[in-house]
PDB file of N, CA and C in Angstrom:
ATOM      1  N   MET A   1     -40.207  16.403  27.660  1.00  0.00           N
ATOM      2  CA  MET A   1     -39.133  16.969  26.885  1.00  0.00           C
ATOM      3  C   MET A   1     -39.441  16.761  25.398  1.00  0.00           C
ATOM      4  N   THR A   2     -39.488  17.803  24.676  1.00  0.00           N
ATOM      5  CA  THR A   2     -39.771  17.719  23.254  1.00  0.00           C
ATOM      6  C   THR A   2     -38.557  18.175  22.468  1.00  0.00           C
ATOM      7  N   LEU A   3     -38.462  17.689  21.258  1.00  0.00           N
ATOM      8  CA  LEU A   3     -37.355  18.092  20.398  1.00  0.00           C
ATOM      9  C   LEU A   3     -37.675  19.423  19.734  1.00  0.00           C
ATOM     10  N   ARG A   4     -36.770  20.348  19.838  1.00  0.00           N
ATOM     11  CA  ARG A   4     -36.981  21.669  19.254  1.00  0.00           C
ATOM     12  C   ARG A   4     -36.885  21.614  17.724  1.00  0.00           C
ATOM     13  N   ILE A   5     -36.169  20.633  17.175  1.00  0.00           N
ATOM     14  CA  ILE A   5     -36.011  20.532  15.718  1.00  0.00           C
ATOM     15  C   ILE A   5     -37.354  20.251  15.057  1.00  0.00           C
ATOM     16  N   LEU A   6     -38.150  19.397  15.669  1.00  0.00           N
ATOM     17  CA  LEU A   6     -39.438  19.067  15.088  1.00  0.00           C
ATOM     18  C   LEU A   6     -40.418  20.234  15.167  1.00  0.00           C
ATOM     19  N   ASP A   7     -40.277  21.070  16.185  1.00  0.00           N
ATOM     20  CA  ASP A   7     -41.168  22.215  16.342  1.00  0.00           C
ATOM     21  C   ASP A   7     -40.736  23.419  15.511  1.00  0.00           C
ATOM     22  N   GLU A   8     -39.534  23.345  14.955  1.00  0.00           N
ATOM     23  CA  GLU A   8     -38.990  24.489  14.227  1.00  0.00           C
ATOM     24  C   GLU A   8     -39.791  24.745  12.947  1.00  0.00           C
ATOM     25  N   ASP A   9     -40.008  25.987  12.640  1.00  0.00           N
ATOM     26  CA  ASP A   9     -40.763  26.364  11.452  1.00  0.00           C
ATOM     27  C   ASP A   9     -39.937  26.055  10.198  1.00  0.00           C
ATOM     28  N   GLU A  10     -40.566  25.455   9.182  1.00  0.00           N
ATOM     29  CA  GLU A  10     -39.863  25.068   7.960  1.00  0.00           C
ATOM     30  C   GLU A  10     -39.343  26.272   7.185  1.00  0.00           C
ATOM     31  N   GLU A  11     -39.994  27.390   7.268  1.00  0.00           N
ATOM     32  CA  GLU A  11     -39.562  28.574   6.545  1.00  0.00           C
ATOM     33  C   GLU A  11     -38.278  29.156   7.115  1.00  0.00           C
ATOM     34  N   LEU A  12     -37.999  28.903   8.365  1.00  0.00           N
ATOM     35  CA  LEU A  12     -36.810  29.457   9.000  1.00  0.00           C
ATOM     36  C   LEU A  12     -35.592  28.555   8.863  1.00  0.00           C
ATOM     37  N   ASN A  13     -35.766  27.336   8.455  1.00  0.00           N
ATOM     38  CA  ASN A  13     -34.661  26.391   8.357  1.00  0.00           C
ATOM     39  C   ASN A  13     -34.084  26.414   6.933  1.00  0.00           C
ATOM     40  N   PRO A  14     -32.891  26.960   6.736  1.00  0.00           N
ATOM     41  CA  PRO A  14     -32.320  27.049   5.385  1.00  0.00           C
ATOM     42  C   PRO A  14     -31.904  25.695   4.812  1.00  0.00           C
ATOM     43  N   ILE A  15     -31.687  24.711   5.645  1.00  0.00           N
ATOM     44  CA  ILE A  15     -31.282  23.388   5.165  1.00  0.00           C
ATOM     45  C   ILE A  15     -32.385  22.759   4.322  1.00  0.00           C
ATOM     46  N   LEU A  16     -33.631  23.000   4.649  1.00  0.00           N
ATOM     47  CA  LEU A  16     -34.740  22.408   3.897  1.00  0.00           C
ATOM     48  C   LEU A  16     -34.780  22.929   2.469  1.00  0.00           C
ATOM     49  N   SER A  17     -34.485  24.191   2.252  1.00  0.00           N
ATOM     50  CA  SER A  17     -34.481  24.713   0.884  1.00  0.00           C
ATOM     51  C   SER A  17     -33.309  24.152   0.091  1.00  0.00           C
ATOM     52  N   VAL A  18     -32.174  23.910   0.731  1.00  0.00           N
ATOM     53  CA  VAL A  18     -31.028  23.299   0.048  1.00  0.00           C
ATOM     54  C   VAL A  18     -31.362  21.872  -0.356  1.00  0.00           C
ATOM     55  N   VAL A  19     -32.041  21.144   0.506  1.00  0.00           N
ATOM     56  CA  VAL A  19     -32.441  19.774   0.182  1.00  0.00           C
ATOM     57  C   VAL A  19     -33.388  19.776  -1.014  1.00  0.00           C
ATOM     58  N   ASN A  20     -34.295  20.735  -1.082  1.00  0.00           N
ATOM     59  CA  ASN A  20     -35.203  20.820  -2.222  1.00  0.00           C
ATOM     60  C   ASN A  20     -34.438  21.124  -3.513  1.00  0.00           C
ATOM     61  N   LEU A  21     -33.432  21.978  -3.454  1.00  0.00           N
ATOM     62  CA  LEU A  21     -32.626  22.264  -4.641  1.00  0.00           C
ATOM     63  C   LEU A  21     -31.860  21.038  -5.109  1.00  0.00           C
ATOM     64  N   ILE A  22     -31.342  20.261  -4.166  1.00  0.00           N
ATOM     65  CA  ILE A  22     -30.635  19.026  -4.527  1.00  0.00           C
ATOM     66  C   ILE A  22     -31.585  18.068  -5.225  1.00  0.00           C
ATOM     67  N   ASP A  23     -32.802  17.957  -4.775  1.00  0.00           N
ATOM     68  CA  ASP A  23     -33.794  17.097  -5.422  1.00  0.00           C
ATOM     69  C   ASP A  23     -34.069  17.557  -6.853  1.00  0.00           C
ATOM     70  N   VAL A  24     -34.181  18.842  -7.065  1.00  0.00           N
ATOM     71  CA  VAL A  24     -34.434  19.374  -8.408  1.00  0.00           C
ATOM     72  C   VAL A  24     -33.259  19.061  -9.329  1.00  0.00           C
ATOM     73  N   PHE A  25     -32.030  19.240  -8.842  1.00  0.00           N
ATOM     74  CA  PHE A  25     -30.861  18.947  -9.661  1.00  0.00           C
ATOM     75  C   PHE A  25     -30.754  17.457  -9.976  1.00  0.00           C
ATOM     76  N   LEU A  26     -31.110  16.594  -9.055  1.00  0.00           N
ATOM     77  CA  LEU A  26     -31.093  15.156  -9.330  1.00  0.00           C
ATOM     78  C   LEU A  26     -32.079  14.792 -10.435  1.00  0.00           C
ATOM     79  N   VAL A  27     -33.235  15.408 -10.444  1.00  0.00           N
ATOM     80  CA  VAL A  27     -34.219  15.154 -11.501  1.00  0.00           C
ATOM     81  C   VAL A  27     -33.675  15.652 -12.847  1.00  0.00           C
ATOM     82  N   LEU A  28     -33.041  16.823 -12.863  1.00  0.00           N
ATOM     83  CA  LEU A  28     -32.469  17.348 -14.105  1.00  0.00           C
ATOM     84  C   LEU A  28     -31.356  16.452 -14.640  1.00  0.00           C
ATOM     85  N   VAL A  29     -30.502  15.959 -13.763  1.00  0.00           N
ATOM     86  CA  VAL A  29     -29.422  15.067 -14.183  1.00  0.00           C
ATOM     87  C   VAL A  29     -29.994  13.772 -14.752  1.00  0.00           C
ATOM     88  N   ALA A  30     -31.007  13.218 -14.131  1.00  0.00           N
ATOM     89  CA  ALA A  30     -31.631  11.993 -14.642  1.00  0.00           C
ATOM     90  C   ALA A  30     -32.245  12.230 -16.017  1.00  0.00           C
ATOM     91  N   ALA A  31     -32.897  13.376 -16.220  1.00  0.00           N
ATOM     92  CA  ALA A  31     -33.491  13.685 -17.526  1.00  0.00           C
ATOM     93  C   ALA A  31     -32.416  13.829 -18.594  1.00  0.00           C
ATOM     94  N   LEU A  32     -31.311  14.476 -18.271  1.00  0.00           N
ATOM     95  CA  LEU A  32     -30.221  14.620 -19.242  1.00  0.00           C
ATOM     96  C   LEU A  32     -29.596  13.274 -19.598  1.00  0.00           C
ATOM     97  N   LEU A  33     -29.445  12.391 -18.628  1.00  0.00           N
ATOM     98  CA  LEU A  33     -28.907  11.062 -18.914  1.00  0.00           C
ATOM     99  C   LEU A  33     -29.831  10.268 -19.830  1.00  0.00           C
ATOM    100  N   ILE A  34     -31.126  10.404 -19.643  1.00  0.00           N
ATOM    101  CA  ILE A  34     -32.076   9.714 -20.523  1.00  0.00           C
ATOM    102  C   ILE A  34     -31.979  10.271 -21.939  1.00  0.00           C
ATOM    103  N   ILE A  35     -31.845  11.582 -22.079  1.00  0.00           N
ATOM    104  CA  ILE A  35     -31.722  12.198 -23.403  1.00  0.00           C
ATOM    105  C   ILE A  35     -30.452  11.711 -24.098  1.00  0.00           C
ATOM    106  N   ILE A  36     -29.344  11.632 -23.378  1.00  0.00           N
ATOM    107  CA  ILE A  36     -28.085  11.160 -23.975  1.00  0.00           C
ATOM    108  C   ILE A  36     -28.209   9.701 -24.401  1.00  0.00           C
ATOM    109  N   ALA A  37     -28.855   8.884 -23.603  1.00  0.00           N
ATOM    110  CA  ALA A  37     -28.990   7.461 -23.924  1.00  0.00           C
ATOM    111  C   ALA A  37     -29.852   7.241 -25.162  1.00  0.00           C
ATOM    112  N   ARG A  38     -30.836   8.119 -25.394  1.00  0.00           N
ATOM    113  CA  ARG A  38     -31.728   7.948 -26.538  1.00  0.00           C
ATOM    114  C   ARG A  38     -31.191   8.581 -27.818  1.00  0.00           C
ATOM    115  N   ASN A  39     -30.077   9.317 -27.747  1.00  0.00           N
ATOM    116  CA  ASN A  39     -29.488   9.964 -28.914  1.00  0.00           C
ATOM    117  C   ASN A  39     -28.937   8.895 -29.857  1.00  0.00           C
ATOM    118  N   PRO A  40     -29.263   8.970 -31.171  1.00  0.00           N
ATOM    119  CA  PRO A  40     -28.759   7.940 -32.089  1.00  0.00           C
ATOM    120  C   PRO A  40     -27.235   7.958 -32.239  1.00  0.00           C
ATOM    121  N   LEU A  41     -26.595   9.074 -31.996  1.00  0.00           N
ATOM    122  CA  LEU A  41     -25.139   9.148 -32.088  1.00  0.00           C
ATOM    123  C   LEU A  41     -24.475   8.983 -30.723  1.00  0.00           C
ATOM    124  N   ASN A  42     -25.142   8.295 -29.829  1.00  0.00           N
ATOM    125  CA  ASN A  42     -24.631   8.043 -28.489  1.00  0.00           C
ATOM    126  C   ASN A  42     -23.272   7.349 -28.583  1.00  0.00           C
ATOM    127  N   PRO A  43     -22.223   7.923 -27.999  1.00  0.00           N
ATOM    128  CA  PRO A  43     -20.902   7.301 -28.102  1.00  0.00           C
ATOM    129  C   PRO A  43     -20.791   5.979 -27.351  1.00  0.00           C
ATOM    130  N   PHE A  44     -21.727   5.678 -26.474  1.00  0.00           N
ATOM    131  CA  PHE A  44     -21.661   4.455 -25.689  1.00  0.00           C
ATOM    132  C   PHE A  44     -22.395   3.285 -26.337  1.00  0.00           C
ATOM    133  N   SER A  45     -23.121   3.524 -27.441  1.00  0.00           N
ATOM    134  CA  SER A  45     -23.828   2.423 -28.093  1.00  0.00           C
ATOM    135  C   SER A  45     -22.965   1.864 -29.215  1.00  0.00           C
ATOM    136  N   SER A  46     -23.147   0.599 -29.531  1.00  0.00           N
ATOM    137  CA  SER A  46     -22.353  -0.046 -30.582  1.00  0.00           C
ATOM    138  C   SER A  46     -23.133  -0.157 -31.884  1.00  0.00           C
ATOM    139  N   ASP A  47     -24.278   0.503 -32.003  1.00  0.00           N
ATOM    140  CA  ASP A  47     -25.087   0.440 -33.212  1.00  0.00           C
ATOM    141  C   ASP A  47     -24.438   1.236 -34.332  1.00  0.00           C
ATOM    142  N   ASP A  48     -24.675   0.798 -35.585  1.00  0.00           N
ATOM    143  CA  ASP A  48     -24.261   1.564 -36.758  1.00  0.00           C
ATOM    144  C   ASP A  48     -25.419   2.463 -37.154  1.00  0.00           C
ATOM    145  N   VAL A  49     -25.152   3.779 -37.279  1.00  0.00           N
ATOM    146  CA  VAL A  49     -26.196   4.759 -37.523  1.00  0.00           C
ATOM    147  C   VAL A  49     -25.748   5.723 -38.610  1.00  0.00           C
ATOM    148  N   THR A  50     -26.696   6.133 -39.481  1.00  0.00           N
ATOM    149  CA  THR A  50     -26.455   7.176 -40.465  1.00  0.00           C
ATOM    150  C   THR A  50     -27.494   8.271 -40.249  1.00  0.00           C
ATOM    151  N   VAL A  51     -27.024   9.520 -40.079  1.00  0.00           N
ATOM    152  CA  VAL A  51     -27.901  10.663 -39.848  1.00  0.00           C
ATOM    153  C   VAL A  51     -27.641  11.679 -40.948  1.00  0.00           C
ATOM    154  N   ILE A  52     -28.703  12.172 -41.588  1.00  0.00           N
ATOM    155  CA  ILE A  52     -28.576  13.197 -42.624  1.00  0.00           C
ATOM    156  C   ILE A  52     -29.139  14.496 -42.060  1.00  0.00           C
ATOM    157  N   LYS A  53     -28.288  15.529 -42.011  1.00  0.00           N
ATOM    158  CA  LYS A  53     -28.691  16.838 -41.507  1.00  0.00           C
ATOM    159  C   LYS A  53     -28.942  17.766 -42.684  1.00  0.00           C
ATOM    160  N   ASN A  54     -29.988  18.567 -42.607  1.00  0.00           N
ATOM    161  CA  ASN A  54     -30.357  19.548 -43.642  1.00  0.00           C
ATOM    162  C   ASN A  54     -30.438  18.914 -45.035  1.00  0.00           C
ATOM    163  N   PRO A  55     -31.301  17.907 -45.233  1.00  0.00           N
ATOM    164  CA  PRO A  55     -31.371  17.254 -46.544  1.00  0.00           C
ATOM    165  C   PRO A  55     -31.844  18.208 -47.632  1.00  0.00           C
ATOM    166  N   ASN A  56     -31.320  17.998 -48.836  1.00  0.00           N
ATOM    167  CA  ASN A  56     -31.670  18.764 -50.035  1.00  0.00           C
ATOM    168  C   ASN A  56     -31.351  20.247 -49.911  1.00  0.00           C
ATOM    169  N   THR A  57     -30.324  20.585 -49.169  1.00  0.00           N
ATOM    170  CA  THR A  57     -29.862  21.967 -49.072  1.00  0.00           C
ATOM    171  C   THR A  57     -28.357  21.988 -49.323  1.00  0.00           C
ATOM    172  N   PRO A  58     -27.808  23.141 -49.655  1.00  0.00           N
ATOM    173  CA  PRO A  58     -26.346  23.213 -49.854  1.00  0.00           C
ATOM    174  C   PRO A  58     -25.547  22.915 -48.585  1.00  0.00           C
ATOM    175  N   GLN A  59     -26.160  23.037 -47.408  1.00  0.00           N
ATOM    176  CA  GLN A  59     -25.470  22.769 -46.153  1.00  0.00           C
ATOM    177  C   GLN A  59     -25.671  21.329 -45.669  1.00  0.00           C
ATOM    178  N   MET A  60     -26.088  20.435 -46.545  1.00  0.00           N
ATOM    179  CA  MET A  60     -26.386  19.058 -46.147  1.00  0.00           C
ATOM    180  C   MET A  60     -25.126  18.369 -45.621  1.00  0.00           C
ATOM    181  N   GLU A  61     -25.298  17.619 -44.532  1.00  0.00           N
ATOM    182  CA  GLU A  61     -24.222  16.830 -43.948  1.00  0.00           C
ATOM    183  C   GLU A  61     -24.726  15.420 -43.688  1.00  0.00           C
ATOM    184  N   MET A  62     -23.835  14.468 -43.777  1.00  0.00           N
ATOM    185  CA  MET A  62     -24.176  13.085 -43.473  1.00  0.00           C
ATOM    186  C   MET A  62     -23.203  12.605 -42.402  1.00  0.00           C
ATOM    187  N   LEU A  63     -23.741  12.146 -41.283  1.00  0.00           N
ATOM    188  CA  LEU A  63     -22.940  11.614 -40.197  1.00  0.00           C
ATOM    189  C   LEU A  63     -23.106  10.095 -40.185  1.00  0.00           C
ATOM    190  N   VAL A  64     -21.991   9.379 -40.275  1.00  0.00           N
ATOM    191  CA  VAL A  64     -22.022   7.917 -40.293  1.00  0.00           C
ATOM    192  C   VAL A  64     -21.269   7.423 -39.073  1.00  0.00           C
ATOM    193  N   LYS A  65     -21.963   6.652 -38.232  1.00  0.00           N
ATOM    194  CA  LYS A  65     -21.353   6.090 -37.029  1.00  0.00           C
ATOM    195  C   LYS A  65     -21.271   4.579 -37.193  1.00  0.00           C
ATOM    196  N   LYS A  66     -20.043   4.078 -37.204  1.00  0.00           N
ATOM    197  CA  LYS A  66     -19.813   2.630 -37.273  1.00  0.00           C
ATOM    198  C   LYS A  66     -19.049   2.239 -36.022  1.00  0.00           C
ATOM    199  N   GLY A  67     -19.743   1.579 -35.107  1.00  0.00           N
ATOM    200  CA  GLY A  67     -19.125   1.238 -33.826  1.00  0.00           C
ATOM    201  C   GLY A  67     -18.855   2.490 -33.027  1.00  0.00           C
ATOM    202  N   GLU A  68     -17.580   2.764 -32.746  1.00  0.00           N
ATOM    203  CA  GLU A  68     -17.219   3.964 -31.995  1.00  0.00           C
ATOM    204  C   GLU A  68     -16.702   5.076 -32.901  1.00  0.00           C
ATOM    205  N   LYS A  69     -16.547   4.812 -34.198  1.00  0.00           N
ATOM    206  CA  LYS A  69     -15.996   5.788 -35.127  1.00  0.00           C
ATOM    207  C   LYS A  69     -17.121   6.583 -35.792  1.00  0.00           C
ATOM    208  N   ILE A  70     -17.018   7.923 -35.784  1.00  0.00           N
ATOM    209  CA  ILE A  70     -18.002   8.793 -36.414  1.00  0.00           C
ATOM    210  C   ILE A  70     -17.319   9.564 -37.528  1.00  0.00           C
ATOM    211  N   GLU A  71     -17.870   9.462 -38.743  1.00  0.00           N
ATOM    212  CA  GLU A  71     -17.332  10.186 -39.895  1.00  0.00           C
ATOM    213  C   GLU A  71     -18.364  11.203 -40.355  1.00  0.00           C
ATOM    214  N   ARG A  72     -17.894  12.366 -40.800  1.00  0.00           N
ATOM    215  CA  ARG A  72     -18.774  13.443 -41.263  1.00  0.00           C
ATOM    216  C   ARG A  72     -18.472  13.712 -42.733  1.00  0.00           C
ATOM    217  N   TYR A  73     -19.524  13.706 -43.537  1.00  0.00           N
ATOM    218  CA  TYR A  73     -19.418  14.020 -44.959  1.00  0.00           C
ATOM    219  C   TYR A  73     -20.271  15.246 -45.229  1.00  0.00           C
ATOM    220  N   THR A  74     -19.733  16.202 -45.998  1.00  0.00           N
ATOM    221  CA  THR A  74     -20.483  17.404 -46.338  1.00  0.00           C
ATOM    222  C   THR A  74     -20.749  17.428 -47.832  1.00  0.00           C
ATOM    223  N   ALA A  75     -21.852  18.069 -48.213  1.00  0.00           N
ATOM    224  CA  ALA A  75     -22.208  18.172 -49.629  1.00  0.00           C
ATOM    225  C   ALA A  75     -21.272  19.151 -50.323  1.00  0.00           C
ATOM    226  N   SER A  76     -21.001  18.876 -51.596  1.00  0.00           N
ATOM    227  CA  SER A  76     -20.173  19.784 -52.387  1.00  0.00           C
ATOM    228  C   SER A  76     -20.771  19.867 -53.787  1.00  0.00           C
ATOM    229  N   GLU A  77     -20.260  20.789 -54.569  1.00  0.00           N
ATOM    230  CA  GLU A  77     -20.736  20.973 -55.942  1.00  0.00           C
ATOM    231  C   GLU A  77     -20.096  19.969 -56.900  1.00  0.00           C
ATOM    232  N   ALA A  78     -19.129  19.203 -56.456  1.00  0.00           N
ATOM    233  CA  ALA A  78     -18.411  18.268 -57.329  1.00  0.00           C
ATOM    234  C   ALA A  78     -19.328  17.124 -57.748  1.00  0.00           C
ATOM    235  N   ILE A  79     -19.112  16.649 -58.956  1.00  0.00           N
ATOM    236  CA  ILE A  79     -19.878  15.519 -59.486  1.00  0.00           C
ATOM    237  C   ILE A  79     -19.055  14.253 -59.267  1.00  0.00           C
ATOM    238  N   GLY A  80     -19.687  13.233 -58.727  1.00  0.00           N
ATOM    239  CA  GLY A  80     -18.995  11.974 -58.486  1.00  0.00           C
ATOM    240  C   GLY A  80     -18.699  11.245 -59.788  1.00  0.00           C
ATOM    241  N   GLN A  81     -17.649  10.464 -59.775  1.00  0.00           N
ATOM    242  CA  GLN A  81     -17.310   9.688 -60.959  1.00  0.00           C
ATOM    243  C   GLN A  81     -16.687   8.381 -60.516  1.00  0.00           C
ATOM    244  N   GLY A  82     -16.644   7.443 -61.406  1.00  0.00           N
ATOM    245  CA  GLY A  82     -16.060   6.152 -61.100  1.00  0.00           C
ATOM    246  C   GLY A  82     -16.506   5.127 -62.126  1.00  0.00           C
ATOM    247  N   GLU A  83     -16.083   3.911 -61.929  1.00  0.00           N
ATOM    248  CA  GLU A  83     -16.434   2.835 -62.849  1.00  0.00           C
ATOM    249  C   GLU A  83     -17.558   2.021 -62.239  1.00  0.00           C
ATOM    250  N   GLY A  84     -18.390   1.498 -63.100  1.00  0.00           N
ATOM    251  CA  GLY A  84     -19.488   0.680 -62.620  1.00  0.00           C
ATOM    252  C   GLY A  84     -20.395   0.311 -63.769  1.00  0.00           C
ATOM    253  N   SER A  85     -21.460  -0.370 -63.455  1.00  0.00           N
ATOM    254  CA  SER A  85     -22.418  -0.764 -64.477  1.00  0.00           C
ATOM    255  C   SER A  85     -23.820  -0.520 -63.935  1.00  0.00           C
ATOM    256  N   ARG A  86     -24.757  -0.462 -64.847  1.00  0.00           N
ATOM    257  CA  ARG A  86     -26.146  -0.232 -64.467  1.00  0.00           C
ATOM    258  C   ARG A  86     -26.662  -1.433 -63.674  1.00  0.00           C
ATOM    259  N   ALA A  87     -27.275  -1.163 -62.527  1.00  0.00           N
ATOM    260  CA  ALA A  87     -27.726  -2.240 -61.656  1.00  0.00           C
ATOM    261  C   ALA A  87     -29.232  -2.433 -61.706  1.00  0.00           C
ATOM    262  N   GLY A  88     -29.963  -1.460 -62.255  1.00  0.00           N
ATOM    263  CA  GLY A  88     -31.402  -1.582 -62.306  1.00  0.00           C
ATOM    264  C   GLY A  88     -32.038  -0.238 -62.585  1.00  0.00           C
ATOM    265  N   VAL A  89     -33.362  -0.190 -62.414  1.00  0.00           N
ATOM    266  CA  VAL A  89     -34.114   1.024 -62.693  1.00  0.00           C
ATOM    267  C   VAL A  89     -34.969   1.346 -61.471  1.00  0.00           C
ATOM    268  N   ALA A  90     -35.059   2.631 -61.132  1.00  0.00           N
ATOM    269  CA  ALA A  90     -35.909   3.076 -60.026  1.00  0.00           C
ATOM    270  C   ALA A  90     -37.070   3.876 -60.609  1.00  0.00           C
ATOM    271  N   TYR A  91     -38.272   3.611 -60.117  1.00  0.00           N
ATOM    272  CA  TYR A  91     -39.475   4.312 -60.560  1.00  0.00           C
ATOM    273  C   TYR A  91     -40.087   5.045 -59.375  1.00  0.00           C
ATOM    274  N   ARG A  92     -40.520   6.296 -59.624  1.00  0.00           N
ATOM    275  CA  ARG A  92     -41.206   7.058 -58.586  1.00  0.00           C
ATOM    276  C   ARG A  92     -42.708   6.916 -58.818  1.00  0.00           C
ATOM    277  N   LEU A  93     -43.438   6.518 -57.762  1.00  0.00           N
ATOM    278  CA  LEU A  93     -44.882   6.368 -57.842  1.00  0.00           C
ATOM    279  C   LEU A  93     -45.569   7.704 -57.569  1.00  0.00           C
ATOM    280  N   LYS A  94     -46.873   7.764 -57.803  1.00  0.00           N
ATOM    281  CA  LYS A  94     -47.625   9.001 -57.598  1.00  0.00           C
ATOM    282  C   LYS A  94     -47.602   9.473 -56.148  1.00  0.00           C
ATOM    283  N   ASP A  95     -47.512   8.531 -55.206  1.00  0.00           N
ATOM    284  CA  ASP A  95     -47.483   8.916 -53.795  1.00  0.00           C
ATOM    285  C   ASP A  95     -46.097   9.378 -53.332  1.00  0.00           C
ATOM    286  N   GLY A  96     -45.098   9.373 -54.227  1.00  0.00           N
ATOM    287  CA  GLY A  96     -43.767   9.854 -53.901  1.00  0.00           C
ATOM    288  C   GLY A  96     -42.789   8.754 -53.512  1.00  0.00           C
ATOM    289  N   SER A  97     -43.251   7.537 -53.346  1.00  0.00           N
ATOM    290  CA  SER A  97     -42.360   6.444 -52.978  1.00  0.00           C
ATOM    291  C   SER A  97     -41.636   5.911 -54.217  1.00  0.00           C
ATOM    292  N   PHE A  98     -40.558   5.204 -53.999  1.00  0.00           N
ATOM    293  CA  PHE A  98     -39.744   4.647 -55.079  1.00  0.00           C
ATOM    294  C   PHE A  98     -39.808   3.139 -55.077  1.00  0.00           C
ATOM    295  N   ILE A  99     -39.705   2.568 -56.263  1.00  0.00           N
ATOM    296  CA  ILE A  99     -39.594   1.118 -56.423  1.00  0.00           C
ATOM    297  C   ILE A  99     -38.357   0.861 -57.246  1.00  0.00           C
ATOM    298  N   TYR A 100     -37.510  -0.023 -56.765  1.00  0.00           N
ATOM    299  CA  TYR A 100     -36.287  -0.377 -57.477  1.00  0.00           C
ATOM    300  C   TYR A 100     -36.470  -1.742 -58.133  1.00  0.00           C
ATOM    301  N   VAL A 101     -36.181  -1.821 -59.421  1.00  0.00           N
ATOM    302  CA  VAL A 101     -36.299  -3.071 -60.179  1.00  0.00           C
ATOM    303  C   VAL A 101     -34.894  -3.444 -60.662  1.00  0.00           C
ATOM    304  N   PRO A 102     -34.288  -4.501 -60.097  1.00  0.00           N
ATOM    305  CA  PRO A 102     -32.949  -4.883 -60.525  1.00  0.00           C
ATOM    306  C   PRO A 102     -32.967  -5.482 -61.927  1.00  0.00           C
ATOM    307  N   GLU A 103     -31.873  -5.249 -62.657  1.00  0.00           N
ATOM    308  CA  GLU A 103     -31.752  -5.841 -63.990  1.00  0.00           C
ATOM    309  C   GLU A 103     -31.237  -7.267 -63.854  1.00  0.00           C
ATOM    310  N   GLN A 104     -31.533  -8.067 -64.850  1.00  0.00           N
ATOM    311  CA  GLN A 104     -31.144  -9.479 -64.787  1.00  0.00           C
ATOM    312  C   GLN A 104     -29.828  -9.733 -65.467  1.00  0.00           C
TER     313      GLN A 104
END
């Protein structure tokens, strides 16, 4: 006595193709979870992160995440103002890097 299920042709069994589709979807879900976990603005991480989108353009945005709170700042044509004092001097080197020298 032999089992007919084992002798059945794989191409004729629709359950096998459904199982293969489930495997593909499980791999896709795992990949998406890894992508979400590696995102710097991940809502589940407690890290403080600052992200600058479109730097040096009129559409520049700055996203600041402190704990679970995310704030969005957009660039505008307004000039900032306030009270303060000179804190030092910044120099740009030939390679494009900056050096900050604090005043005494």
